[in-house]
């Protein structure tokens, strides 16, 4: 893809912390005007990549360009064209939402009057006008993250980096942030999003790169990545354990695919090509053979299953870690 069509391009990017190689030949191409997700577990290199691309860190090797500018040789030009929302809130809890945004505007040297006007525009944009004069410490988690997003847009950047933007938020707060991100891309911005939440990548990203060990292991749309495992699956939960083997033979014969048998959960599954025809024929044939099914369902592979198949481990985080701040990669 030509550089003019790309918001971000990296080639063979490398970064070490002591003996640990956080980025190990990191290659990335992010088209303009999309939400692009970097999905991987803690320590995969996601945050390090964002820090290099936003000029906060210098790479040890390779090249990176953002908005057409080299992040090392043209760092000032890059900073003028990007916004950054990190894992930790950047706002002053004692100032009101409006005061925070005006302060950021003054720090960017846009003048007091322009800073006030921009603050009001952003408060309205992120549905914070009514709370604009309240101290930020009175905001909910989702409101604070929307205020963070607003602060990162003071200069109306074309490229926005979001590093774990919904870590620690409840479902309502995550949905609020997701809606804000969708609105940004609708305005023509490019968003590069790091996340370890499978649902977040699935909900927001037009394209996803799976990151492991400081490098990209696979790139595609969410559907393309799921098709890596062969597309849709049919799963049958049986009422009686002794029906597992005959059900497996029937499903394998009907679908022409080797079934997976989960004895602990009395489940038989297999990849399907024709969703509706497979579901109908399996249900009918099992019934004709006196095999009772508690549940029959079609489902798509998850992104975690794709990651597991490519790396040998998943991306999922524990329930406890969803409510805690994530240590930077």
C-alpha atoms as a PDB file:
ATOM      1  CA  UNK A   1       0.000   0.000   0.000  1.00  0.00           C
ATOM      2  CA  UNK A   2       1.342   3.476  -0.908  1.00  0.00           C
ATOM      3  CA  UNK A   3       2.437   5.762   1.933  1.00  0.00           C
ATOM      4  CA  UNK A   4      -0.184   8.345   0.904  1.00  0.00           C
ATOM      5  CA  UNK A   5      -2.912   5.819   1.778  1.00  0.00           C
ATOM      6  CA  UNK A   6      -1.432   4.966   5.179  1.00  0.00           C
ATOM      7  CA  UNK A   7      -1.794   6.726   8.510  1.00  0.00           C
ATOM      8  CA  UNK A   8       0.866   4.503  10.134  1.00  0.00           C
ATOM      9  CA  UNK A   9       3.631   2.323   8.708  1.00  0.00           C
ATOM     10  CA  UNK A  10       6.349   0.455  10.593  1.00  0.00           C
ATOM     11  CA  UNK A  11       9.035  -1.823   9.232  1.00  0.00           C
ATOM     12  CA  UNK A  12      11.170  -4.190  11.331  1.00  0.00           C
ATOM     13  CA  UNK A  13      10.649  -2.047  14.431  1.00  0.00           C
ATOM     14  CA  UNK A  14      12.646  -3.150  17.469  1.00  0.00           C
ATOM     15  CA  UNK A  15      12.792  -2.052  21.108  1.00  0.00           C
ATOM     16  CA  UNK A  16      14.512  -3.676  24.079  1.00  0.00           C
ATOM     17  CA  UNK A  17      14.229  -3.124  27.816  1.00  0.00           C
ATOM     18  CA  UNK A  18      17.377  -4.696  29.182  1.00  0.00           C
ATOM     19  CA  UNK A  19      17.304  -8.318  28.057  1.00  0.00           C
ATOM     20  CA  UNK A  20      13.610  -8.231  27.134  1.00  0.00           C
ATOM     21  CA  UNK A  21      12.781  -7.507  23.497  1.00  0.00           C
ATOM     22  CA  UNK A  22       9.438  -5.713  23.623  1.00  0.00           C
ATOM     23  CA  UNK A  23       9.273  -5.203  19.856  1.00  0.00           C
ATOM     24  CA  UNK A  24      10.875  -7.824  17.663  1.00  0.00           C
ATOM     25  CA  UNK A  25      10.586  -6.946  13.988  1.00  0.00           C
ATOM     26  CA  UNK A  26       7.216  -5.202  14.350  1.00  0.00           C
ATOM     27  CA  UNK A  27       5.632  -4.573  10.914  1.00  0.00           C
ATOM     28  CA  UNK A  28       2.385  -2.650  10.591  1.00  0.00           C
ATOM     29  CA  UNK A  29       0.361  -0.819   7.922  1.00  0.00           C
ATOM     30  CA  UNK A  30      -2.671   1.177   9.092  1.00  0.00           C
ATOM     31  CA  UNK A  31      -4.901   2.648   6.338  1.00  0.00           C
ATOM     32  CA  UNK A  32      -6.354   6.113   6.812  1.00  0.00           C
ATOM     33  CA  UNK A  33      -9.878   6.517   8.167  1.00  0.00           C
ATOM     34  CA  UNK A  34     -10.304   3.209  10.034  1.00  0.00           C
ATOM     35  CA  UNK A  35     -10.257   1.806  13.538  1.00  0.00           C
ATOM     36  CA  UNK A  36      -7.260  -0.520  13.593  1.00  0.00           C
ATOM     37  CA  UNK A  37      -6.905  -2.853  16.566  1.00  0.00           C
ATOM     38  CA  UNK A  38      -3.745  -4.278  18.105  1.00  0.00           C
ATOM     39  CA  UNK A  39      -4.938  -7.307  20.069  1.00  0.00           C
ATOM     40  CA  UNK A  40      -2.794  -9.294  22.453  1.00  0.00           C
ATOM     41  CA  UNK A  41      -2.134 -10.125  26.115  1.00  0.00           C
ATOM     42  CA  UNK A  42      -0.141  -8.051  28.578  1.00  0.00           C
ATOM     43  CA  UNK A  43       3.523  -7.983  27.619  1.00  0.00           C
ATOM     44  CA  UNK A  44       2.846  -8.557  23.906  1.00  0.00           C
ATOM     45  CA  UNK A  45       4.359  -5.189  22.946  1.00  0.00           C
ATOM     46  CA  UNK A  46       1.199  -3.172  22.291  1.00  0.00           C
ATOM     47  CA  UNK A  47       1.935  -0.260  24.612  1.00  0.00           C
ATOM     48  CA  UNK A  48       5.578  -0.117  23.556  1.00  0.00           C
ATOM     49  CA  UNK A  49       4.457   0.183  19.930  1.00  0.00           C
ATOM     50  CA  UNK A  50       2.125   3.072  20.811  1.00  0.00           C
ATOM     51  CA  UNK A  51       4.885   4.842  22.746  1.00  0.00           C
ATOM     52  CA  UNK A  52       7.276   4.594  19.831  1.00  0.00           C
ATOM     53  CA  UNK A  53       4.665   5.765  17.329  1.00  0.00           C
ATOM     54  CA  UNK A  54       3.690   8.726  19.520  1.00  0.00           C
ATOM     55  CA  UNK A  55       7.395   9.733  19.876  1.00  0.00           C
ATOM     56  CA  UNK A  56       7.500   8.997  23.616  1.00  0.00           C
ATOM     57  CA  UNK A  57      10.126   6.274  23.066  1.00  0.00           C
ATOM     58  CA  UNK A  58      12.913   5.860  20.540  1.00  0.00           C
ATOM     59  CA  UNK A  59      13.102   2.528  18.773  1.00  0.00           C
ATOM     60  CA  UNK A  60      16.344   0.574  18.771  1.00  0.00           C
ATOM     61  CA  UNK A  61      15.932  -0.393  15.126  1.00  0.00           C
ATOM     62  CA  UNK A  62      13.617  -0.300  12.139  1.00  0.00           C
ATOM     63  CA  UNK A  63      11.522   2.605  10.873  1.00  0.00           C
ATOM     64  CA  UNK A  64       8.136   4.102  11.665  1.00  0.00           C
ATOM     65  CA  UNK A  65       6.110   6.798   9.936  1.00  0.00           C
ATOM     66  CA  UNK A  66       2.913   8.462  11.179  1.00  0.00           C
ATOM     67  CA  UNK A  67       0.835  10.762   8.958  1.00  0.00           C
ATOM     68  CA  UNK A  68       3.696  10.612   6.459  1.00  0.00           C
ATOM     69  CA  UNK A  69       6.414  11.734   8.896  1.00  0.00           C
ATOM     70  CA  UNK A  70       9.297   9.768  10.379  1.00  0.00           C
ATOM     71  CA  UNK A  71       8.746   9.408  14.141  1.00  0.00           C
ATOM     72  CA  UNK A  72      12.448   9.732  14.861  1.00  0.00           C
ATOM     73  CA  UNK A  73      13.679  12.368  12.411  1.00  0.00           C
ATOM     74  CA  UNK A  74      10.436  14.405  12.305  1.00  0.00           C
ATOM     75  CA  UNK A  75       9.051  13.977  15.813  1.00  0.00           C
ATOM     76  CA  UNK A  76       7.695  17.547  16.068  1.00  0.00           C
ATOM     77  CA  UNK A  77       5.642  17.165  12.887  1.00  0.00           C
ATOM     78  CA  UNK A  78       4.274  13.831  14.153  1.00  0.00           C
ATOM     79  CA  UNK A  79       3.209  15.352  17.498  1.00  0.00           C
ATOM     80  CA  UNK A  80       1.254  18.068  15.705  1.00  0.00           C
ATOM     81  CA  UNK A  81      -0.840  15.459  13.927  1.00  0.00           C
ATOM     82  CA  UNK A  82      -1.622  12.916  16.641  1.00  0.00           C
ATOM     83  CA  UNK A  83      -3.647  12.555  19.798  1.00  0.00           C
ATOM     84  CA  UNK A  84      -2.860  10.058  22.558  1.00  0.00           C
ATOM     85  CA  UNK A  85      -5.089   8.505  25.182  1.00  0.00           C
ATOM     86  CA  UNK A  86      -3.004   6.373  27.536  1.00  0.00           C
ATOM     87  CA  UNK A  87      -4.022   3.740  30.057  1.00  0.00           C
ATOM     88  CA  UNK A  88      -4.135   6.227  32.937  1.00  0.00           C
ATOM     89  CA  UNK A  89      -6.367   9.288  33.251  1.00  0.00           C
ATOM     90  CA  UNK A  90      -4.576  12.518  32.359  1.00  0.00           C
ATOM     91  CA  UNK A  91      -7.123  14.985  33.722  1.00  0.00           C
ATOM     92  CA  UNK A  92      -6.879  16.984  36.969  1.00  0.00           C
ATOM     93  CA  UNK A  93      -9.524  15.566  39.307  1.00  0.00           C
ATOM     94  CA  UNK A  94     -10.001  18.869  41.157  1.00  0.00           C
ATOM     95  CA  UNK A  95     -10.660  20.941  38.030  1.00  0.00           C
ATOM     96  CA  UNK A  96     -13.972  20.894  36.212  1.00  0.00           C
ATOM     97  CA  UNK A  97     -14.275  19.208  32.867  1.00  0.00           C
ATOM     98  CA  UNK A  98     -14.280  22.561  31.093  1.00  0.00           C
ATOM     99  CA  UNK A  99     -11.305  23.853  33.098  1.00  0.00           C
ATOM    100  CA  UNK A 100      -9.361  20.720  32.183  1.00  0.00           C
ATOM    101  CA  UNK A 101      -9.986  21.201  28.485  1.00  0.00           C
ATOM    102  CA  UNK A 102      -9.158  24.909  28.595  1.00  0.00           C
ATOM    103  CA  UNK A 103      -5.936  24.047  30.443  1.00  0.00           C
ATOM    104  CA  UNK A 104      -4.959  21.549  27.744  1.00  0.00           C
ATOM    105  CA  UNK A 105      -5.744  24.136  25.093  1.00  0.00           C
ATOM    106  CA  UNK A 106      -3.473  26.685  26.767  1.00  0.00           C
ATOM    107  CA  UNK A 107      -0.720  24.063  27.052  1.00  0.00           C
ATOM    108  CA  UNK A 108      -0.995  23.613  23.286  1.00  0.00           C
ATOM    109  CA  UNK A 109      -0.636  27.410  22.880  1.00  0.00           C
ATOM    110  CA  UNK A 110      -3.915  27.916  21.034  1.00  0.00           C
ATOM    111  CA  UNK A 111      -4.814  31.082  23.014  1.00  0.00           C
ATOM    112  CA  UNK A 112      -7.303  31.606  25.822  1.00  0.00           C
ATOM    113  CA  UNK A 113     -10.334  32.470  23.667  1.00  0.00           C
ATOM    114  CA  UNK A 114      -9.714  29.614  21.219  1.00  0.00           C
ATOM    115  CA  UNK A 115      -9.115  27.209  24.106  1.00  0.00           C
ATOM    116  CA  UNK A 116     -12.466  28.162  25.665  1.00  0.00           C
ATOM    117  CA  UNK A 117     -14.282  27.755  22.358  1.00  0.00           C
ATOM    118  CA  UNK A 118     -12.634  24.395  21.699  1.00  0.00           C
ATOM    119  CA  UNK A 119     -13.467  23.202  25.225  1.00  0.00           C
ATOM    120  CA  UNK A 120     -17.151  23.983  24.698  1.00  0.00           C
ATOM    121  CA  UNK A 121     -17.134  22.215  21.312  1.00  0.00           C
ATOM    122  CA  UNK A 122     -15.596  19.080  22.801  1.00  0.00           C
ATOM    123  CA  UNK A 123     -17.880  19.022  25.848  1.00  0.00           C
ATOM    124  CA  UNK A 124     -20.860  19.050  23.484  1.00  0.00           C
ATOM    125  CA  UNK A 125     -19.260  16.477  21.197  1.00  0.00           C
ATOM    126  CA  UNK A 126     -18.781  13.990  24.057  1.00  0.00           C
ATOM    127  CA  UNK A 127     -22.127  14.706  25.782  1.00  0.00           C
ATOM    128  CA  UNK A 128     -20.433  16.348  28.760  1.00  0.00           C
ATOM    129  CA  UNK A 129     -21.922  19.859  28.548  1.00  0.00           C
ATOM    130  CA  UNK A 130     -24.189  19.431  31.586  1.00  0.00           C
ATOM    131  CA  UNK A 131     -21.269  18.099  33.644  1.00  0.00           C
ATOM    132  CA  UNK A 132     -18.794  20.610  32.239  1.00  0.00           C
ATOM    133  CA  UNK A 133     -18.660  22.755  35.374  1.00  0.00           C
ATOM    134  CA  UNK A 134     -18.456  19.862  37.827  1.00  0.00           C
ATOM    135  CA  UNK A 135     -15.084  18.669  39.223  1.00  0.00           C
ATOM    136  CA  UNK A 136     -13.742  15.690  37.287  1.00  0.00           C
ATOM    137  CA  UNK A 137     -13.563  13.687  40.524  1.00  0.00           C
ATOM    138  CA  UNK A 138     -17.383  13.606  40.467  1.00  0.00           C
ATOM    139  CA  UNK A 139     -17.430  11.967  37.013  1.00  0.00           C
ATOM    140  CA  UNK A 140     -18.115   8.295  36.476  1.00  0.00           C
ATOM    141  CA  UNK A 141     -15.362   6.151  34.973  1.00  0.00           C
ATOM    142  CA  UNK A 142     -16.913   6.363  31.516  1.00  0.00           C
ATOM    143  CA  UNK A 143     -17.285  10.152  31.758  1.00  0.00           C
ATOM    144  CA  UNK A 144     -13.645  10.561  32.788  1.00  0.00           C
ATOM    145  CA  UNK A 145     -12.489   8.496  29.826  1.00  0.00           C
ATOM    146  CA  UNK A 146     -14.668  10.588  27.501  1.00  0.00           C
ATOM    147  CA  UNK A 147     -13.074  13.674  29.008  1.00  0.00           C
ATOM    148  CA  UNK A 148      -9.654  12.109  28.365  1.00  0.00           C
ATOM    149  CA  UNK A 149     -10.690  11.518  24.764  1.00  0.00           C
ATOM    150  CA  UNK A 150     -11.824  15.122  24.450  1.00  0.00           C
ATOM    151  CA  UNK A 151      -8.473  16.346  25.810  1.00  0.00           C
ATOM    152  CA  UNK A 152      -6.604  14.271  23.231  1.00  0.00           C
ATOM    153  CA  UNK A 153      -8.566  16.023  20.473  1.00  0.00           C
ATOM    154  CA  UNK A 154      -7.790  19.630  21.385  1.00  0.00           C
ATOM    155  CA  UNK A 155      -5.725  20.056  18.202  1.00  0.00           C
ATOM    156  CA  UNK A 156      -8.165  18.015  16.042  1.00  0.00           C
ATOM    157  CA  UNK A 157      -5.521  15.404  15.131  1.00  0.00           C
ATOM    158  CA  UNK A 158      -5.925  13.140  12.135  1.00  0.00           C
ATOM    159  CA  UNK A 159      -4.444  10.105  13.920  1.00  0.00           C
ATOM    160  CA  UNK A 160      -5.486   9.063  17.417  1.00  0.00           C
ATOM    161  CA  UNK A 161      -3.721   6.439  19.526  1.00  0.00           C
ATOM    162  CA  UNK A 162      -5.860   4.751  22.195  1.00  0.00           C
ATOM    163  CA  UNK A 163      -3.929   2.516  24.578  1.00  0.00           C
ATOM    164  CA  UNK A 164      -6.268   0.194  26.518  1.00  0.00           C
ATOM    165  CA  UNK A 165      -8.966   2.922  26.572  1.00  0.00           C
ATOM    166  CA  UNK A 166     -11.594   0.968  28.555  1.00  0.00           C
ATOM    167  CA  UNK A 167      -9.469  -0.847  31.140  1.00  0.00           C
ATOM    168  CA  UNK A 168     -11.254  -0.855  34.501  1.00  0.00           C
ATOM    169  CA  UNK A 169     -14.567   0.461  33.153  1.00  0.00           C
ATOM    170  CA  UNK A 170     -17.900  -1.199  33.747  1.00  0.00           C
ATOM    171  CA  UNK A 171     -19.955  -2.336  30.707  1.00  0.00           C
ATOM    172  CA  UNK A 172     -21.851   0.967  30.503  1.00  0.00           C
ATOM    173  CA  UNK A 173     -18.618   2.969  30.607  1.00  0.00           C
ATOM    174  CA  UNK A 174     -17.078   0.788  27.894  1.00  0.00           C
ATOM    175  CA  UNK A 175     -20.125   1.277  25.678  1.00  0.00           C
ATOM    176  CA  UNK A 176     -19.916   5.053  26.143  1.00  0.00           C
ATOM    177  CA  UNK A 177     -16.282   5.070  25.036  1.00  0.00           C
ATOM    178  CA  UNK A 178     -17.025   2.748  22.104  1.00  0.00           C
ATOM    179  CA  UNK A 179     -19.727   5.109  20.831  1.00  0.00           C
ATOM    180  CA  UNK A 180     -17.289   8.017  21.078  1.00  0.00           C
ATOM    181  CA  UNK A 181     -14.644   6.118  19.109  1.00  0.00           C
ATOM    182  CA  UNK A 182     -17.131   5.253  16.356  1.00  0.00           C
ATOM    183  CA  UNK A 183     -17.998   8.919  16.079  1.00  0.00           C
ATOM    184  CA  UNK A 184     -14.353   9.896  15.679  1.00  0.00           C
ATOM    185  CA  UNK A 185     -13.861   7.553  12.737  1.00  0.00           C
ATOM    186  CA  UNK A 186     -17.115   8.744  11.170  1.00  0.00           C
ATOM    187  CA  UNK A 187     -15.456  12.174  11.081  1.00  0.00           C
ATOM    188  CA  UNK A 188     -12.573  10.766   9.032  1.00  0.00           C
ATOM    189  CA  UNK A 189      -9.976  10.212  11.742  1.00  0.00           C
ATOM    190  CA  UNK A 190      -7.746   7.166  12.014  1.00  0.00           C
ATOM    191  CA  UNK A 191      -7.771   5.347  15.344  1.00  0.00           C
ATOM    192  CA  UNK A 192      -5.085   2.868  16.384  1.00  0.00           C
ATOM    193  CA  UNK A 193      -6.465   0.973  19.361  1.00  0.00           C
ATOM    194  CA  UNK A 194      -4.652  -1.434  21.664  1.00  0.00           C
ATOM    195  CA  UNK A 195      -6.766  -3.857  23.662  1.00  0.00           C
ATOM    196  CA  UNK A 196      -6.785  -7.241  25.317  1.00  0.00           C
ATOM    197  CA  UNK A 197     -10.586  -7.389  25.290  1.00  0.00           C
ATOM    198  CA  UNK A 198     -11.839  -9.636  22.499  1.00  0.00           C
ATOM    199  CA  UNK A 199     -15.273  -8.014  22.441  1.00  0.00           C
ATOM    200  CA  UNK A 200     -13.735  -4.563  22.126  1.00  0.00           C
ATOM    201  CA  UNK A 201     -11.676  -5.529  19.083  1.00  0.00           C
ATOM    202  CA  UNK A 202     -14.688  -7.262  17.540  1.00  0.00           C
ATOM    203  CA  UNK A 203     -16.994  -4.301  18.192  1.00  0.00           C
ATOM    204  CA  UNK A 204     -14.723  -1.492  17.028  1.00  0.00           C
ATOM    205  CA  UNK A 205     -11.957  -2.589  14.708  1.00  0.00           C
ATOM    206  CA  UNK A 206     -12.195  -2.617  10.915  1.00  0.00           C
ATOM    207  CA  UNK A 207      -8.822  -4.387  10.837  1.00  0.00           C
ATOM    208  CA  UNK A 208      -6.935  -6.261  13.575  1.00  0.00           C
ATOM    209  CA  UNK A 209      -3.337  -7.307  14.011  1.00  0.00           C
ATOM    210  CA  UNK A 210      -2.745 -10.072  16.549  1.00  0.00           C
ATOM    211  CA  UNK A 211       0.405  -9.252  18.537  1.00  0.00           C
ATOM    212  CA  UNK A 212       2.573 -11.767  20.368  1.00  0.00           C
ATOM    213  CA  UNK A 213       6.178 -11.566  21.486  1.00  0.00           C
ATOM    214  CA  UNK A 214       6.636  -8.086  20.054  1.00  0.00           C
ATOM    215  CA  UNK A 215       5.587  -8.916  16.505  1.00  0.00           C
ATOM    216  CA  UNK A 216       2.487  -9.258  14.363  1.00  0.00           C
ATOM    217  CA  UNK A 217       1.433 -12.888  13.971  1.00  0.00           C
ATOM    218  CA  UNK A 218      -1.673 -12.366  11.798  1.00  0.00           C
ATOM    219  CA  UNK A 219      -3.638  -9.452  10.298  1.00  0.00           C
ATOM    220  CA  UNK A 220      -7.139  -9.243   8.853  1.00  0.00           C
ATOM    221  CA  UNK A 221     -10.708  -8.162   9.434  1.00  0.00           C
ATOM    222  CA  UNK A 222     -12.423  -9.819  12.417  1.00  0.00           C
ATOM    223  CA  UNK A 223     -14.259 -12.156  10.025  1.00  0.00           C
ATOM    224  CA  UNK A 224     -11.089 -13.024   8.093  1.00  0.00           C
ATOM    225  CA  UNK A 225      -9.296 -13.920  11.307  1.00  0.00           C
ATOM    226  CA  UNK A 226     -12.151 -16.106  12.475  1.00  0.00           C
ATOM    227  CA  UNK A 227     -12.248 -17.839   9.098  1.00  0.00           C
ATOM    228  CA  UNK A 228      -8.653 -18.893   9.800  1.00  0.00           C
ATOM    229  CA  UNK A 229     -10.179 -21.704  11.866  1.00  0.00           C
ATOM    230  CA  UNK A 230     -12.488 -22.788   9.062  1.00  0.00           C
ATOM    231  CA  UNK A 231     -15.561 -20.638   9.504  1.00  0.00           C
ATOM    232  CA  UNK A 232     -18.709 -21.476  11.453  1.00  0.00           C
ATOM    233  CA  UNK A 233     -19.106 -24.450  13.771  1.00  0.00           C
ATOM    234  CA  UNK A 234     -22.056 -26.515  14.868  1.00  0.00           C
ATOM    235  CA  UNK A 235     -22.058 -27.647  18.493  1.00  0.00           C
ATOM    236  CA  UNK A 236     -24.359 -30.263  19.980  1.00  0.00           C
ATOM    237  CA  UNK A 237     -24.747 -30.878  23.714  1.00  0.00           C
ATOM    238  CA  UNK A 238     -26.129 -34.374  24.326  1.00  0.00           C
ATOM    239  CA  UNK A 239     -28.429 -35.490  27.102  1.00  0.00           C
ATOM    240  CA  UNK A 240     -26.723 -38.890  27.595  1.00  0.00           C
ATOM    241  CA  UNK A 241     -22.922 -39.381  27.732  1.00  0.00           C
ATOM    242  CA  UNK A 242     -23.082 -42.759  25.958  1.00  0.00           C
ATOM    243  CA  UNK A 243     -24.434 -41.004  22.832  1.00  0.00           C
ATOM    244  CA  UNK A 244     -21.173 -39.112  22.290  1.00  0.00           C
ATOM    245  CA  UNK A 245     -19.532 -41.667  19.998  1.00  0.00           C
ATOM    246  CA  UNK A 246     -22.543 -42.386  17.741  1.00  0.00           C
ATOM    247  CA  UNK A 247     -23.334 -38.675  17.560  1.00  0.00           C
ATOM    248  CA  UNK A 248     -19.718 -37.992  16.576  1.00  0.00           C
ATOM    249  CA  UNK A 249     -19.915 -40.551  13.768  1.00  0.00           C
ATOM    250  CA  UNK A 250     -23.184 -39.111  12.486  1.00  0.00           C
ATOM    251  CA  UNK A 251     -21.954 -35.508  12.557  1.00  0.00           C
ATOM    252  CA  UNK A 252     -18.646 -36.424  10.938  1.00  0.00           C
ATOM    253  CA  UNK A 253     -20.423 -38.309   8.163  1.00  0.00           C
ATOM    254  CA  UNK A 254     -22.986 -35.571   7.499  1.00  0.00           C
ATOM    255  CA  UNK A 255     -20.518 -32.693   7.491  1.00  0.00           C
ATOM    256  CA  UNK A 256     -17.475 -34.407   6.031  1.00  0.00           C
ATOM    257  CA  UNK A 257     -15.325 -33.028   8.853  1.00  0.00           C
ATOM    258  CA  UNK A 258     -13.660 -34.680  11.827  1.00  0.00           C
ATOM    259  CA  UNK A 259     -15.715 -33.836  14.932  1.00  0.00           C
ATOM    260  CA  UNK A 260     -14.349 -32.545  18.221  1.00  0.00           C
ATOM    261  CA  UNK A 261     -15.633 -34.468  21.227  1.00  0.00           C
ATOM    262  CA  UNK A 262     -15.725 -32.870  24.682  1.00  0.00           C
ATOM    263  CA  UNK A 263     -16.621 -35.712  27.060  1.00  0.00           C
ATOM    264  CA  UNK A 264     -16.696 -33.589  30.196  1.00  0.00           C
ATOM    265  CA  UNK A 265     -19.407 -31.345  28.766  1.00  0.00           C
ATOM    266  CA  UNK A 266     -21.122 -33.989  26.578  1.00  0.00           C
ATOM    267  CA  UNK A 267     -20.442 -31.785  23.551  1.00  0.00           C
ATOM    268  CA  UNK A 268     -19.710 -32.673  19.920  1.00  0.00           C
ATOM    269  CA  UNK A 269     -18.650 -29.961  17.470  1.00  0.00           C
ATOM    270  CA  UNK A 270     -17.498 -29.662  13.861  1.00  0.00           C
ATOM    271  CA  UNK A 271     -16.818 -27.045  11.192  1.00  0.00           C
ATOM    272  CA  UNK A 272     -19.705 -26.406   8.780  1.00  0.00           C
ATOM    273  CA  UNK A 273     -19.913 -24.898   5.297  1.00  0.00           C
ATOM    274  CA  UNK A 274     -23.652 -24.393   4.894  1.00  0.00           C
ATOM    275  CA  UNK A 275     -24.980 -23.140   8.228  1.00  0.00           C
ATOM    276  CA  UNK A 276     -28.714 -23.712   7.829  1.00  0.00           C
ATOM    277  CA  UNK A 277     -28.482 -26.999   5.923  1.00  0.00           C
ATOM    278  CA  UNK A 278     -26.019 -28.394   8.470  1.00  0.00           C
ATOM    279  CA  UNK A 279     -28.165 -27.425  11.433  1.00  0.00           C
ATOM    280  CA  UNK A 280     -31.287 -28.971   9.864  1.00  0.00           C
ATOM    281  CA  UNK A 281     -29.658 -32.235   8.778  1.00  0.00           C
ATOM    282  CA  UNK A 282     -27.822 -32.799  12.071  1.00  0.00           C
ATOM    283  CA  UNK A 283     -30.931 -32.166  14.191  1.00  0.00           C
ATOM    284  CA  UNK A 284     -33.087 -34.443  12.013  1.00  0.00           C
ATOM    285  CA  UNK A 285     -30.573 -37.309  11.781  1.00  0.00           C
ATOM    286  CA  UNK A 286     -29.805 -37.333  15.499  1.00  0.00           C
ATOM    287  CA  UNK A 287     -33.540 -37.470  16.235  1.00  0.00           C
ATOM    288  CA  UNK A 288     -34.040 -40.313  13.717  1.00  0.00           C
ATOM    289  CA  UNK A 289     -31.334 -42.290  15.541  1.00  0.00           C
ATOM    290  CA  UNK A 290     -32.860 -41.738  18.972  1.00  0.00           C
ATOM    291  CA  UNK A 291     -30.065 -39.421  20.142  1.00  0.00           C
ATOM    292  CA  UNK A 292     -31.383 -36.652  22.379  1.00  0.00           C
ATOM    293  CA  UNK A 293     -29.741 -33.226  22.199  1.00  0.00           C
ATOM    294  CA  UNK A 294     -30.066 -30.719  25.030  1.00  0.00           C
ATOM    295  CA  UNK A 295     -28.825 -27.941  22.781  1.00  0.00           C
ATOM    296  CA  UNK A 296     -27.794 -27.446  19.154  1.00  0.00           C
ATOM    297  CA  UNK A 297     -26.176 -24.178  18.152  1.00  0.00           C
ATOM    298  CA  UNK A 298     -24.201 -22.504  15.391  1.00  0.00           C
ATOM    299  CA  UNK A 299     -21.414 -20.168  16.373  1.00  0.00           C
ATOM    300  CA  UNK A 300     -18.449 -18.378  14.932  1.00  0.00           C
ATOM    301  CA  UNK A 301     -14.921 -18.972  16.247  1.00  0.00           C
ATOM    302  CA  UNK A 302     -13.780 -16.352  18.739  1.00  0.00           C
ATOM    303  CA  UNK A 303     -10.727 -14.154  18.286  1.00  0.00           C
ATOM    304  CA  UNK A 304      -9.251 -15.870  21.329  1.00  0.00           C
ATOM    305  CA  UNK A 305      -9.515 -19.237  19.572  1.00  0.00           C
ATOM    306  CA  UNK A 306      -7.728 -17.755  16.568  1.00  0.00           C
ATOM    307  CA  UNK A 307      -4.986 -16.387  18.807  1.00  0.00           C
ATOM    308  CA  UNK A 308      -4.700 -19.710  20.599  1.00  0.00           C
ATOM    309  CA  UNK A 309      -4.346 -21.573  17.315  1.00  0.00           C
ATOM    310  CA  UNK A 310      -1.564 -19.231  16.172  1.00  0.00           C
ATOM    311  CA  UNK A 311       0.421 -18.810  19.394  1.00  0.00           C
ATOM    312  CA  UNK A 312      -0.468 -21.694  21.700  1.00  0.00           C
ATOM    313  CA  UNK A 313      -2.053 -19.384  24.279  1.00  0.00           C
ATOM    314  CA  UNK A 314      -5.049 -17.089  24.411  1.00  0.00           C
ATOM    315  CA  UNK A 315      -5.528 -13.362  24.852  1.00  0.00           C
ATOM    316  CA  UNK A 316      -8.235 -13.544  27.487  1.00  0.00           C
ATOM    317  CA  UNK A 317      -7.660 -11.854  30.826  1.00  0.00           C
ATOM    318  CA  UNK A 318      -9.031 -13.001  34.159  1.00  0.00           C
ATOM    319  CA  UNK A 319     -12.166 -11.463  35.623  1.00  0.00           C
ATOM    320  CA  UNK A 320     -10.062  -9.911  38.399  1.00  0.00           C
ATOM    321  CA  UNK A 321      -7.702  -8.148  36.000  1.00  0.00           C
ATOM    322  CA  UNK A 322     -10.585  -6.510  34.149  1.00  0.00           C
ATOM    323  CA  UNK A 323     -11.129  -4.289  37.176  1.00  0.00           C
ATOM    324  CA  UNK A 324      -7.489  -3.318  37.663  1.00  0.00           C
ATOM    325  CA  UNK A 325      -5.095  -1.033  35.868  1.00  0.00           C
ATOM    326  CA  UNK A 326      -2.976  -2.919  33.357  1.00  0.00           C
ATOM    327  CA  UNK A 327       0.787  -2.748  33.654  1.00  0.00           C
ATOM    328  CA  UNK A 328       2.197  -1.252  30.448  1.00  0.00           C
ATOM    329  CA  UNK A 329       3.667  -3.694  27.972  1.00  0.00           C
END
